């Protein structure tokens, strides 16, 4: 199973549409609200994990740039 952030986006909008169904009332509405809370929790975890991966990669990229050697013509001002 390969899901993407686009798939997550689609699930979130589908959930939003289900919550906007004005015909949902009582127990069915409560079930849908509980489902939305579960979806939100999973989505938040996925987004936080993706953010951590991005920050980690940025750190690696910055470290690589910090260790880069300057061309000779820029060293020592000559």
Protein backbone atom coordinates (compact mmCIF):
# COMPACT_ATOMS: atom_id res chain seq x y z
CA UNK A 1 0.00 0.00 0.00
CA UNK A 2 1.51 3.30 -1.09
CA UNK A 3 -0.31 6.41 0.05
CA UNK A 4 0.72 9.95 -0.71
CA UNK A 5 0.09 13.32 0.88
CA UNK A 6 -2.36 13.86 -1.96
CA UNK A 7 -4.28 10.79 -0.78
CA UNK A 8 -4.29 12.19 2.75
CA UNK A 9 -5.61 15.48 1.42
CA UNK A 10 -8.41 13.62 -0.38
CA UNK A 11 -9.31 11.70 2.80
CA UNK A 12 -9.44 14.91 4.81
CA UNK A 13 -11.72 16.64 2.32
CA UNK A 14 -13.94 13.55 2.12
CA UNK A 15 -14.21 13.61 5.90
CA UNK A 16 -15.08 17.29 5.81
CA UNK A 17 -17.85 16.56 3.32
CA UNK A 18 -19.25 13.81 5.55
CA UNK A 19 -19.27 16.18 8.51
CA UNK A 20 -21.10 18.75 6.40
CA UNK A 21 -23.94 16.33 5.63
CA UNK A 22 -26.96 18.07 7.13
CA UNK A 23 -28.93 14.82 7.15
CA UNK A 24 -26.61 13.36 9.81
CA UNK A 25 -28.17 13.62 13.23
CA UNK A 26 -28.05 11.97 16.61
CA UNK A 27 -25.98 8.81 16.88
CA UNK A 28 -24.86 8.89 13.24
CA UNK A 29 -23.53 12.43 13.69
CA UNK A 30 -21.74 11.41 16.89
CA UNK A 31 -20.14 8.46 15.08
CA UNK A 32 -18.99 10.73 12.26
CA UNK A 33 -17.53 13.27 14.70
CA UNK A 34 -15.63 10.47 16.45
CA UNK A 35 -14.40 9.20 13.09
CA UNK A 36 -13.27 12.74 12.19
CA UNK A 37 -11.31 12.98 15.45
CA UNK A 38 -9.57 9.68 14.65
CA UNK A 39 -8.76 10.80 11.10
CA UNK A 40 -7.46 14.11 12.43
CA UNK A 41 -5.17 12.31 14.88
CA UNK A 42 -3.72 10.05 12.21
CA UNK A 43 -3.36 12.94 9.76
CA UNK A 44 -1.55 15.05 12.37
CA UNK A 45 0.88 12.21 13.06
CA UNK A 46 1.58 11.78 9.34
CA UNK A 47 2.10 15.50 8.85
CA UNK A 48 4.37 15.78 11.89
CA UNK A 49 6.46 12.83 10.70
CA UNK A 50 6.77 14.39 7.25
CA UNK A 51 7.79 17.69 8.80
CA UNK A 52 10.48 15.95 10.84
CA UNK A 53 11.85 14.25 7.71
CA UNK A 54 11.93 17.60 5.91
CA UNK A 55 13.69 19.34 8.83
CA UNK A 56 16.21 16.50 9.03
CA UNK A 57 16.98 16.80 5.33
CA UNK A 58 17.34 20.56 5.63
CA UNK A 59 19.78 20.05 8.50
CA UNK A 60 21.84 17.63 6.40
CA UNK A 61 21.81 20.06 3.46
CA UNK A 62 22.89 22.98 5.66
CA UNK A 63 25.66 20.91 7.24
CA UNK A 64 26.92 19.92 3.81
CA UNK A 65 26.95 23.57 2.74
CA UNK A 66 28.74 24.66 5.93
CA UNK A 67 31.55 22.17 5.26
CA UNK A 68 31.98 23.20 1.63
CA UNK A 69 35.38 24.63 0.71
CA UNK A 70 35.59 28.02 -0.92
CA UNK A 71 37.23 28.32 -4.32
CA UNK A 72 40.90 29.39 -4.09
CA UNK A 73 40.17 32.83 -5.56
CA UNK A 74 37.85 33.54 -2.57
CA UNK A 75 40.23 32.27 0.11
CA UNK A 76 42.30 34.85 2.00
CA UNK A 77 41.03 37.81 -0.01
CA UNK A 78 43.51 37.38 -2.89
